[in-house]
Amino acid sequence: PEAFARNPAMVHEFYNMRRRGLLKPEINPNPAHLALAELEQKW
């Protein structure tokens, strides 16, 4: 919280980069994510 109070623009840019990276079309769930979803569905 102190970082955000001190330099909110830099903190925003850091998480903006994380958000942009996550939303790239090549980023998708992998077989481990899918296996846990299957476990929830079938267990």
ModelCIF file with pLDDT and N, C-alpha, C, O atoms, coordinates in Angstrom:
data_MODEL
#
_entry.id   MODEL 
#
_entity.id                         1 
_entity.type                       polymer 
_entity.pdbx_number_of_molecules   1 
#
_entity_poly.entity_id                      1 
_entity_poly.type                           'polypeptide(L)' 
_entity_poly.nstd_linkage                   no 
_entity_poly.nstd_monomer                   no 
_entity_poly.pdbx_seq_one_letter_code       PEAFARNPAMVHEFYNMRRRGLLKPEINPNPAHLALAELEQKW 
_entity_poly.pdbx_seq_one_letter_code_can   PEAFARNPAMVHEFYNMRRRGLLKPEINPNPAHLALAELEQKW 
_entity_poly.pdbx_strand_id                 A 
#
loop_
_entity_poly_seq.entity_id 
_entity_poly_seq.num 
_entity_poly_seq.mon_id 
_entity_poly_seq.hetero 
1 1  PRO n 
1 2  GLU n 
1 3  ALA n 
1 4  PHE n 
1 5  ALA n 
1 6  ARG n 
1 7  ASN n 
1 8  PRO n 
1 9  ALA n 
1 10 MET n 
1 11 VAL n 
1 12 HIS n 
1 13 GLU n 
1 14 PHE n 
1 15 TYR n 
1 16 ASN n 
1 17 MET n 
1 18 ARG n 
1 19 ARG n 
1 20 ARG n 
1 21 GLY n 
1 22 LEU n 
1 23 LEU n 
1 24 LYS n 
1 25 PRO n 
1 26 GLU n 
1 27 ILE n 
1 28 ASN n 
1 29 PRO n 
1 30 ASN n 
1 31 PRO n 
1 32 ALA n 
1 33 HIS n 
1 34 LEU n 
1 35 ALA n 
1 36 LEU n 
1 37 ALA n 
1 38 GLU n 
1 39 LEU n 
1 40 GLU n 
1 41 GLN n 
1 42 LYS n 
1 43 TRP n 
#
_struct_asym.id          A 
_struct_asym.entity_id   1 
#
loop_
_ma_qa_metric.id 
_ma_qa_metric.mode 
_ma_qa_metric.name 
_ma_qa_metric.software_group_id 
_ma_qa_metric.type 
1 global pLDDT . pLDDT 
2 local  pLDDT . pLDDT 
#
_ma_qa_metric_global.metric_id      1 
_ma_qa_metric_global.metric_value   95.40 
_ma_qa_metric_global.model_id       1 
_ma_qa_metric_global.ordinal_id     1 
#
loop_
_ma_qa_metric_local.label_asym_id 
_ma_qa_metric_local.label_comp_id 
_ma_qa_metric_local.label_seq_id 
_ma_qa_metric_local.metric_id 
_ma_qa_metric_local.metric_value 
_ma_qa_metric_local.model_id 
_ma_qa_metric_local.ordinal_id 
A PRO 1  2 94.00 1 1  
A GLU 2  2 94.00 1 2  
A ALA 3  2 93.00 1 3  
A PHE 4  2 93.00 1 4  
A ALA 5  2 93.00 1 5  
A ARG 6  2 93.00 1 6  
A ASN 7  2 94.00 1 7  
A PRO 8  2 94.00 1 8  
A ALA 9  2 94.00 1 9  
A MET 10 2 92.00 1 10 
A VAL 11 2 94.00 1 11 
A HIS 12 2 96.00 1 12 
A GLU 13 2 93.00 1 13 
A PHE 14 2 92.00 1 14 
A TYR 15 2 94.00 1 15 
A ASN 16 2 95.00 1 16 
A MET 17 2 91.00 1 17 
A ARG 18 2 92.00 1 18 
A ARG 19 2 95.00 1 19 
A ARG 20 2 94.00 1 20 
A GLY 21 2 92.00 1 21 
A LEU 22 2 95.00 1 22 
A LEU 23 2 96.00 1 23 
A LYS 24 2 95.00 1 24 
A PRO 25 2 96.00 1 25 
A GLU 26 2 96.00 1 26 
A ILE 27 2 97.00 1 27 
A ASN 28 2 98.00 1 28 
A PRO 29 2 98.00 1 29 
A ASN 30 2 98.00 1 30 
A PRO 31 2 98.00 1 31 
A ALA 32 2 98.00 1 32 
A HIS 33 2 98.00 1 33 
A LEU 34 2 98.00 1 34 
A ALA 35 2 98.00 1 35 
A LEU 36 2 98.00 1 36 
A ALA 37 2 98.00 1 37 
A GLU 38 2 98.00 1 38 
A LEU 39 2 98.00 1 39 
A GLU 40 2 98.00 1 40 
A GLN 41 2 98.00 1 41 
A LYS 42 2 97.00 1 42 
A TRP 43 2 96.00 1 43 
#
loop_
_atom_site.group_PDB 
_atom_site.id 
_atom_site.type_symbol 
_atom_site.label_atom_id 
_atom_site.label_alt_id 
_atom_site.label_comp_id 
_atom_site.label_asym_id 
_atom_site.label_entity_id 
_atom_site.label_seq_id 
_atom_site.pdbx_PDB_ins_code 
_atom_site.Cartn_x 
_atom_site.Cartn_y 
_atom_site.Cartn_z 
_atom_site.occupancy 
_atom_site.B_iso_or_equiv 
_atom_site.pdbx_formal_charge 
_atom_site.auth_seq_id 
_atom_site.auth_comp_id 
_atom_site.auth_asym_id 
_atom_site.auth_atom_id 
_atom_site.pdbx_PDB_model_num 
ATOM 1   N N  . PRO A 1 1  ? 0.818   -1.218  0.000   1.00 94.00 ? 1  PRO A N  1 
ATOM 2   C CA . PRO A 1 1  ? 0.000   0.000   0.000   1.00 94.00 ? 1  PRO A CA 1 
ATOM 3   C C  . PRO A 1 1  ? 0.849   1.264   0.000   1.00 94.00 ? 1  PRO A C  1 
ATOM 4   O O  . PRO A 1 1  ? 0.471   2.275   -0.591  1.00 94.00 ? 1  PRO A O  1 
ATOM 5   N N  . GLU A 1 2  ? 2.003   1.199   0.670   1.00 94.00 ? 2  GLU A N  1 
ATOM 6   C CA . GLU A 1 2  ? 2.885   2.360   0.724   1.00 94.00 ? 2  GLU A CA 1 
ATOM 7   C C  . GLU A 1 2  ? 3.442   2.704   -0.659  1.00 94.00 ? 2  GLU A C  1 
ATOM 8   O O  . GLU A 1 2  ? 3.613   3.875   -0.999  1.00 94.00 ? 2  GLU A O  1 
ATOM 9   N N  . ALA A 1 3  ? 3.723   1.659   -1.452  1.00 93.00 ? 3  ALA A N  1 
ATOM 10  C CA . ALA A 1 3  ? 4.215   1.888   -2.812  1.00 93.00 ? 3  ALA A CA 1 
ATOM 11  C C  . ALA A 1 3  ? 3.161   2.589   -3.657  1.00 93.00 ? 3  ALA A C  1 
ATOM 12  O O  . ALA A 1 3  ? 3.471   3.491   -4.435  1.00 93.00 ? 3  ALA A O  1 
ATOM 13  N N  . PHE A 1 4  ? 1.914   2.163   -3.495  1.00 93.00 ? 4  PHE A N  1 
ATOM 14  C CA . PHE A 1 4  ? 0.841   2.779   -4.277  1.00 93.00 ? 4  PHE A CA 1 
ATOM 15  C C  . PHE A 1 4  ? 0.631   4.230   -3.861  1.00 93.00 ? 4  PHE A C  1 
ATOM 16  O O  . PHE A 1 4  ? 0.369   5.089   -4.703  1.00 93.00 ? 4  PHE A O  1 
ATOM 17  N N  . ALA A 1 5  ? 0.744   4.502   -2.569  1.00 93.00 ? 5  ALA A N  1 
ATOM 18  C CA . ALA A 1 5  ? 0.595   5.881   -2.100  1.00 93.00 ? 5  ALA A CA 1 
ATOM 19  C C  . ALA A 1 5  ? 1.755   6.754   -2.588  1.00 93.00 ? 5  ALA A C  1 
ATOM 20  O O  . ALA A 1 5  ? 1.575   7.936   -2.881  1.00 93.00 ? 5  ALA A O  1 
ATOM 21  N N  . ARG A 1 6  ? 2.932   6.159   -2.668  1.00 93.00 ? 6  ARG A N  1 
ATOM 22  C CA . ARG A 1 6  ? 4.133   6.904   -3.044  1.00 93.00 ? 6  ARG A CA 1 
ATOM 23  C C  . ARG A 1 6  ? 4.226   7.139   -4.555  1.00 93.00 ? 6  ARG A C  1 
ATOM 24  O O  . ARG A 1 6  ? 4.590   8.228   -4.998  1.00 93.00 ? 6  ARG A O  1 
ATOM 25  N N  . ASN A 1 7  ? 3.893   6.102   -5.345  1.00 94.00 ? 7  ASN A N  1 
ATOM 26  C CA . ASN A 1 7  ? 4.046   6.206   -6.796  1.00 94.00 ? 7  ASN A CA 1 
ATOM 27  C C  . ASN A 1 7  ? 2.964   5.379   -7.487  1.00 94.00 ? 7  ASN A C  1 
ATOM 28  O O  . ASN A 1 7  ? 3.259   4.323   -8.046  1.00 94.00 ? 7  ASN A O  1 
ATOM 29  N N  . PRO A 1 8  ? 1.718   5.845   -7.455  1.00 94.00 ? 8  PRO A N  1 
ATOM 30  C CA . PRO A 1 8  ? 0.621   5.060   -8.026  1.00 94.00 ? 8  PRO A CA 1 
ATOM 31  C C  . PRO A 1 8  ? 0.782   4.801   -9.521  1.00 94.00 ? 8  PRO A C  1 
ATOM 32  O O  . PRO A 1 8  ? 0.352   3.756   -10.010 1.00 94.00 ? 8  PRO A O  1 
ATOM 33  N N  . ALA A 1 9  ? 1.390   5.725   -10.254 1.00 94.00 ? 9  ALA A N  1 
ATOM 34  C CA . ALA A 1 9  ? 1.548   5.545   -11.695 1.00 94.00 ? 9  ALA A CA 1 
ATOM 35  C C  . ALA A 1 9  ? 2.428   4.328   -11.993 1.00 94.00 ? 9  ALA A C  1 
ATOM 36  O O  . ALA A 1 9  ? 2.117   3.547   -12.893 1.00 94.00 ? 9  ALA A O  1 
ATOM 37  N N  . MET A 1 10 ? 3.517   4.163   -11.249 1.00 92.00 ? 10 MET A N  1 
ATOM 38  C CA . MET A 1 10 ? 4.398   3.020   -11.473 1.00 92.00 ? 10 MET A CA 1 
ATOM 39  C C  . MET A 1 10 ? 3.720   1.714   -11.093 1.00 92.00 ? 10 MET A C  1 
ATOM 40  O O  . MET A 1 10 ? 3.852   0.716   -11.801 1.00 92.00 ? 10 MET A O  1 
ATOM 41  N N  . VAL A 1 11 ? 2.994   1.715   -9.979  1.00 94.00 ? 11 VAL A N  1 
ATOM 42  C CA . VAL A 1 11 ? 2.293   0.500   -9.557  1.00 94.00 ? 11 VAL A CA 1 
ATOM 43  C C  . VAL A 1 11 ? 1.230   0.135   -10.584 1.00 94.00 ? 11 VAL A C  1 
ATOM 44  O O  . VAL A 1 11 ? 1.098   -1.035  -10.943 1.00 94.00 ? 11 VAL A O  1 
ATOM 45  N N  . HIS A 1 12 ? 0.475   1.110   -11.058 1.00 96.00 ? 12 HIS A N  1 
ATOM 46  C CA . HIS A 1 12 ? -0.513  0.831   -12.100 1.00 96.00 ? 12 HIS A CA 1 
ATOM 47  C C  . HIS A 1 12 ? 0.143   0.220   -13.329 1.00 96.00 ? 12 HIS A C  1 
ATOM 48  O O  . HIS A 1 12 ? -0.370  -0.754  -13.880 1.00 96.00 ? 12 HIS A O  1 
ATOM 49  N N  . GLU A 1 13 ? 1.252   0.768   -13.761 1.00 93.00 ? 13 GLU A N  1 
ATOM 50  C CA . GLU A 1 13 ? 1.907   0.256   -14.965 1.00 93.00 ? 13 GLU A CA 1 
ATOM 51  C C  . GLU A 1 13 ? 2.390   -1.173  -14.768 1.00 93.00 ? 13 GLU A C  1 
ATOM 52  O O  . GLU A 1 13 ? 2.323   -1.987  -15.689 1.00 93.00 ? 13 GLU A O  1 
ATOM 53  N N  . PHE A 1 14 ? 2.879   -1.480  -13.568 1.00 92.00 ? 14 PHE A N  1 
ATOM 54  C CA . PHE A 1 14 ? 3.318   -2.844  -13.283 1.00 92.00 ? 14 PHE A CA 1 
ATOM 55  C C  . PHE A 1 14 ? 2.170   -3.832  -13.471 1.00 92.00 ? 14 PHE A C  1 
ATOM 56  O O  . PHE A 1 14 ? 2.341   -4.869  -14.112 1.00 92.00 ? 14 PHE A O  1 
ATOM 57  N N  . TYR A 1 15 ? 1.007   -3.515  -12.918 1.00 94.00 ? 15 TYR A N  1 
ATOM 58  C CA . TYR A 1 15 ? -0.127  -4.438  -13.043 1.00 94.00 ? 15 TYR A CA 1 
ATOM 59  C C  . TYR A 1 15 ? -0.800  -4.331  -14.404 1.00 94.00 ? 15 TYR A C  1 
ATOM 60  O O  . TYR A 1 15 ? -1.407  -5.297  -14.865 1.00 94.00 ? 15 TYR A O  1 
ATOM 61  N N  . ASN A 1 16 ? -0.706  -3.183  -15.051 1.00 95.00 ? 16 ASN A N  1 
ATOM 62  C CA . ASN A 1 16 ? -1.189  -3.089  -16.430 1.00 95.00 ? 16 ASN A CA 1 
ATOM 63  C C  . ASN A 1 16 ? -0.419  -4.064  -17.326 1.00 95.00 ? 16 ASN A C  1 
ATOM 64  O O  . ASN A 1 16 ? -1.001  -4.713  -18.196 1.00 95.00 ? 16 ASN A O  1 
ATOM 65  N N  . MET A 1 17 ? 0.883   -4.159  -17.105 1.00 91.00 ? 17 MET A N  1 
ATOM 66  C CA . MET A 1 17 ? 1.703   -5.101  -17.865 1.00 91.00 ? 17 MET A CA 1 
ATOM 67  C C  . MET A 1 17 ? 1.287   -6.543  -17.584 1.00 91.00 ? 17 MET A C  1 
ATOM 68  O O  . MET A 1 17 ? 1.216   -7.360  -18.502 1.00 91.00 ? 17 MET A O  1 
ATOM 69  N N  . ARG A 1 18 ? 1.012   -6.858  -16.324 1.00 92.00 ? 18 ARG A N  1 
ATOM 70  C CA . ARG A 1 18 ? 0.563   -8.209  -15.974 1.00 92.00 ? 18 ARG A CA 1 
ATOM 71  C C  . ARG A 1 18 ? -0.775  -8.513  -16.653 1.00 92.00 ? 18 ARG A C  1 
ATOM 72  O O  . ARG A 1 18 ? -0.994  -9.617  -17.151 1.00 92.00 ? 18 ARG A O  1 
ATOM 73  N N  . ARG A 1 19 ? -1.666  -7.517  -16.664 1.00 95.00 ? 19 ARG A N  1 
ATOM 74  C CA . ARG A 1 19 ? -2.990  -7.710  -17.257 1.00 95.00 ? 19 ARG A CA 1 
ATOM 75  C C  . ARG A 1 19 ? -2.886  -7.910  -18.769 1.00 95.00 ? 19 ARG A C  1 
ATOM 76  O O  . ARG A 1 19 ? -3.522  -8.801  -19.332 1.00 95.00 ? 19 ARG A O  1 
ATOM 77  N N  . ARG A 1 20 ? -2.080  -7.074  -19.413 1.00 94.00 ? 20 ARG A N  1 
ATOM 78  C CA . ARG A 1 20 ? -1.899  -7.215  -20.859 1.00 94.00 ? 20 ARG A CA 1 
ATOM 79  C C  . ARG A 1 20 ? -1.326  -8.585  -21.200 1.00 94.00 ? 20 ARG A C  1 
ATOM 80  O O  . ARG A 1 20 ? -1.749  -9.227  -22.161 1.00 94.00 ? 20 ARG A O  1 
ATOM 81  N N  . GLY A 1 21 ? -0.350  -9.025  -20.393 1.00 92.00 ? 21 GLY A N  1 
ATOM 82  C CA . GLY A 1 21 ? 0.256   -10.323 -20.637 1.00 92.00 ? 21 GLY A CA 1 
ATOM 83  C C  . GLY A 1 21 ? -0.742  -11.454 -20.515 1.00 92.00 ? 21 GLY A C  1 
ATOM 84  O O  . GLY A 1 21 ? -0.742  -12.378 -21.328 1.00 92.00 ? 21 GLY A O  1 
ATOM 85  N N  . LEU A 1 22 ? -1.595  -11.389 -19.502 1.00 95.00 ? 22 LEU A N  1 
ATOM 86  C CA . LEU A 1 22 ? -2.601  -12.428 -19.290 1.00 95.00 ? 22 LEU A CA 1 
ATOM 87  C C  . LEU A 1 22 ? -3.597  -12.493 -20.441 1.00 95.00 ? 22 LEU A C  1 
ATOM 88  O O  . LEU A 1 22 ? -4.086  -13.571 -20.780 1.00 95.00 ? 22 LEU A O  1 
ATOM 89  N N  . LEU A 1 23 ? -3.899  -11.349 -21.040 1.00 96.00 ? 23 LEU A N  1 
ATOM 90  C CA . LEU A 1 23 ? -4.927  -11.287 -22.080 1.00 96.00 ? 23 LEU A CA 1 
ATOM 91  C C  . LEU A 1 23 ? -4.392  -11.549 -23.487 1.00 96.00 ? 23 LEU A C  1 
ATOM 92  O O  . LEU A 1 23 ? -5.140  -11.462 -24.460 1.00 96.00 ? 23 LEU A O  1 
ATOM 93  N N  . LYS A 1 24 ? -3.111  -11.866 -23.598 1.00 95.00 ? 24 LYS A N  1 
ATOM 94  C CA . LYS A 1 24 ? -2.587  -12.236 -24.907 1.00 95.00 ? 24 LYS A CA 1 
ATOM 95  C C  . LYS A 1 24 ? -3.272  -13.512 -25.397 1.00 95.00 ? 24 LYS A C  1 
ATOM 96  O O  . LYS A 1 24 ? -3.522  -14.415 -24.598 1.00 95.00 ? 24 LYS A O  1 
ATOM 97  N N  . PRO A 1 25 ? -3.579  -13.605 -26.687 1.00 96.00 ? 25 PRO A N  1 
ATOM 98  C CA . PRO A 1 25 ? -4.330  -14.772 -27.190 1.00 96.00 ? 25 PRO A CA 1 
ATOM 99  C C  . PRO A 1 25 ? -3.617  -16.097 -26.998 1.00 96.00 ? 25 PRO A C  1 
ATOM 100 O O  . PRO A 1 25 ? -4.266  -17.142 -26.950 1.00 96.00 ? 25 PRO A O  1 
ATOM 101 N N  . GLU A 1 26 ? -2.292  -16.078 -26.887 1.00 96.00 ? 26 GLU A N  1 
ATOM 102 C CA . GLU A 1 26 ? -1.557  -17.328 -26.730 1.00 96.00 ? 26 GLU A CA 1 
ATOM 103 C C  . GLU A 1 26 ? -1.544  -17.838 -25.293 1.00 96.00 ? 26 GLU A C  1 
ATOM 104 O O  . GLU A 1 26 ? -1.079  -18.951 -25.047 1.00 96.00 ? 26 GLU A O  1 
ATOM 105 N N  . ILE A 1 27 ? -2.041  -17.055 -24.340 1.00 97.00 ? 27 ILE A N  1 
ATOM 106 C CA . ILE A 1 27 ? -2.068  -17.488 -22.936 1.00 97.00 ? 27 ILE A CA 1 
ATOM 107 C C  . ILE A 1 27 ? -3.386  -18.193 -22.646 1.00 97.00 ? 27 ILE A C  1 
ATOM 108 O O  . ILE A 1 27 ? -4.453  -17.581 -22.699 1.00 97.00 ? 27 ILE A O  1 
ATOM 109 N N  . ASN A 1 28 ? -3.303  -19.472 -22.343 1.00 98.00 ? 28 ASN A N  1 
ATOM 110 C CA . ASN A 1 28 ? -4.493  -20.287 -22.119 1.00 98.00 ? 28 ASN A CA 1 
ATOM 111 C C  . ASN A 1 28 ? -4.257  -21.273 -20.979 1.00 98.00 ? 28 ASN A C  1 
ATOM 112 O O  . ASN A 1 28 ? -3.110  -21.539 -20.620 1.00 98.00 ? 28 ASN A O  1 
ATOM 113 N N  . PRO A 1 29 ? -5.336  -21.818 -20.406 1.00 98.00 ? 29 PRO A N  1 
ATOM 114 C CA . PRO A 1 29 ? -5.153  -22.851 -19.381 1.00 98.00 ? 29 PRO A CA 1 
ATOM 115 C C  . PRO A 1 29 ? -4.361  -24.023 -19.938 1.00 98.00 ? 29 PRO A C  1 
ATOM 116 O O  . PRO A 1 29 ? -4.501  -24.373 -21.110 1.00 98.00 ? 29 PRO A O  1 
ATOM 117 N N  . ASN A 1 30 ? -3.542  -24.620 -19.114 1.00 98.00 ? 30 ASN A N  1 
ATOM 118 C CA . ASN A 1 30 ? -2.755  -25.777 -19.542 1.00 98.00 ? 30 ASN A CA 1 
ATOM 119 C C  . ASN A 1 30 ? -3.380  -27.065 -18.983 1.00 98.00 ? 30 ASN A C  1 
ATOM 120 O O  . ASN A 1 30 ? -4.364  -26.994 -18.248 1.00 98.00 ? 30 ASN A O  1 
ATOM 121 N N  . PRO A 1 31 ? -2.830  -28.228 -19.317 1.00 98.00 ? 31 PRO A N  1 
ATOM 122 C CA . PRO A 1 31 ? -3.434  -29.481 -18.854 1.00 98.00 ? 31 PRO A CA 1 
ATOM 123 C C  . PRO A 1 31 ? -3.595  -29.604 -17.342 1.00 98.00 ? 31 PRO A C  1 
ATOM 124 O O  . PRO A 1 31 ? -4.488  -30.315 -16.882 1.00 98.00 ? 31 PRO A O  1 
ATOM 125 N N  . ALA A 1 32 ? -2.749  -28.928 -16.555 1.00 98.00 ? 32 ALA A N  1 
ATOM 126 C CA . ALA A 1 32 ? -2.908  -28.978 -15.101 1.00 98.00 ? 32 ALA A CA 1 
ATOM 127 C C  . ALA A 1 32 ? -4.176  -28.249 -14.662 1.00 98.00 ? 32 ALA A C  1 
ATOM 128 O O  . ALA A 1 32 ? -4.929  -28.756 -13.831 1.00 98.00 ? 32 ALA A O  1 
ATOM 129 N N  . HIS A 1 33 ? -4.414  -27.057 -15.220 1.00 98.00 ? 33 HIS A N  1 
ATOM 130 C CA . HIS A 1 33 ? -5.663  -26.347 -14.926 1.00 98.00 ? 33 HIS A CA 1 
ATOM 131 C C  . HIS A 1 33 ? -6.871  -27.192 -15.321 1.00 98.00 ? 33 HIS A C  1 
ATOM 132 O O  . HIS A 1 33 ? -7.841  -27.297 -14.571 1.00 98.00 ? 33 HIS A O  1 
ATOM 133 N N  . LEU A 1 34 ? -6.798  -27.791 -16.505 1.00 98.00 ? 34 LEU A N  1 
ATOM 134 C CA . LEU A 1 34 ? -7.925  -28.578 -17.014 1.00 98.00 ? 34 LEU A CA 1 
ATOM 135 C C  . LEU A 1 34 ? -8.159  -29.817 -16.154 1.00 98.00 ? 34 LEU A C  1 
ATOM 136 O O  . LEU A 1 34 ? -9.301  -30.224 -15.942 1.00 98.00 ? 34 LEU A O  1 
ATOM 137 N N  . ALA A 1 35 ? -7.071  -30.419 -15.657 1.00 98.00 ? 35 ALA A N  1 
ATOM 138 C CA . ALA A 1 35 ? -7.218  -31.607 -14.810 1.00 98.00 ? 35 ALA A CA 1 
ATOM 139 C C  . ALA A 1 35 ? -7.928  -31.272 -13.507 1.00 98.00 ? 35 ALA A C  1 
ATOM 140 O O  . ALA A 1 35 ? -8.759  -32.051 -13.040 1.00 98.00 ? 35 ALA A O  1 
ATOM 141 N N  . LEU A 1 36 ? -7.613  -30.119 -12.912 1.00 98.00 ? 36 LEU A N  1 
ATOM 142 C CA . LEU A 1 36 ? -8.280  -29.736 -11.662 1.00 98.00 ? 36 LEU A CA 1 
ATOM 143 C C  . LEU A 1 36 ? -9.755  -29.427 -11.893 1.00 98.00 ? 36 LEU A C  1 
ATOM 144 O O  . LEU A 1 36 ? -10.595 -29.734 -11.047 1.00 98.00 ? 36 LEU A O  1 
ATOM 145 N N  . ALA A 1 37 ? -10.070 -28.826 -13.027 1.00 98.00 ? 37 ALA A N  1 
ATOM 146 C CA . ALA A 1 37 ? -11.476 -28.583 -13.359 1.00 98.00 ? 37 ALA A CA 1 
ATOM 147 C C  . ALA A 1 37 ? -12.221 -29.899 -13.554 1.00 98.00 ? 37 ALA A C  1 
ATOM 148 O O  . ALA A 1 37 ? -13.373 -30.037 -13.144 1.00 98.00 ? 37 ALA A O  1 
ATOM 149 N N  . GLU A 1 38 ? -11.560 -30.853 -14.176 1.00 98.00 ? 38 GLU A N  1 
ATOM 150 C CA . GLU A 1 38 ? -12.172 -32.171 -14.360 1.00 98.00 ? 38 GLU A CA 1 
ATOM 151 C C  . GLU A 1 38 ? -12.387 -32.869 -13.022 1.00 98.00 ? 38 GLU A C  1 
ATOM 152 O O  . GLU A 1 38 ? -13.415 -33.513 -12.810 1.00 98.00 ? 38 GLU A O  1 
ATOM 153 N N  . LEU A 1 39 ? -11.409 -32.738 -12.114 1.00 98.00 ? 39 LEU A N  1 
ATOM 154 C CA . LEU A 1 39 ? -11.550 -33.332 -10.784 1.00 98.00 ? 39 LEU A CA 1 
ATOM 155 C C  . LEU A 1 39 ? -12.760 -32.750 -10.067 1.00 98.00 ? 39 LEU A C  1 
ATOM 156 O O  . LEU A 1 39 ? -13.547 -33.489 -9.474  1.00 98.00 ? 39 LEU A O  1 
ATOM 157 N N  . GLU A 1 40 ? -12.913 -31.427 -10.117 1.00 98.00 ? 40 GLU A N  1 
ATOM 158 C CA . GLU A 1 40 ? -14.062 -30.803 -9.473  1.00 98.00 ? 40 GLU A CA 1 
ATOM 159 C C  . GLU A 1 40 ? -15.366 -31.325 -10.054 1.00 98.00 ? 40 GLU A C  1 
ATOM 160 O O  . GLU A 1 40 ? -16.329 -31.564 -9.324  1.00 98.00 ? 40 GLU A O  1 
ATOM 161 N N  . GLN A 1 41 ? -15.395 -31.503 -11.374 1.00 98.00 ? 41 GLN A N  1 
ATOM 162 C CA . GLN A 1 41 ? -16.619 -31.934 -12.047 1.00 98.00 ? 41 GLN A CA 1 
ATOM 163 C C  . GLN A 1 41 ? -16.977 -33.383 -11.722 1.00 98.00 ? 41 GLN A C  1 
ATOM 164 O O  . GLN A 1 41 ? -18.153 -33.713 -11.572 1.00 98.00 ? 41 GLN A O  1 
ATOM 165 N N  . LYS A 1 42 ? -15.970 -34.245 -11.613 1.00 97.00 ? 42 LYS A N  1 
ATOM 166 C CA . LYS A 1 42 ? -16.230 -35.686 -11.516 1.00 97.00 ? 42 LYS A CA 1 
ATOM 167 C C  . LYS A 1 42 ? -16.128 -36.239 -10.101 1.00 97.00 ? 42 LYS A C  1 
ATOM 168 O O  . LYS A 1 42 ? -16.671 -37.311 -9.831  1.00 97.00 ? 42 LYS A O  1 
ATOM 169 N N  . TRP A 1 43 ? -15.450 -35.544 -9.187  1.00 96.00 ? 43 TRP A N  1 
ATOM 170 C CA . TRP A 1 43 ? -15.259 -36.084 -7.848  1.00 96.00 ? 43 TRP A CA 1 
ATOM 171 C C  . TRP A 1 43 ? -16.572 -36.022 -7.074  1.00 96.00 ? 43 TRP A C  1 
ATOM 172 O O  . TRP A 1 43 ? -16.626 -36.432 -5.915  1.00 96.00 ? 43 TRP A O  1 
#
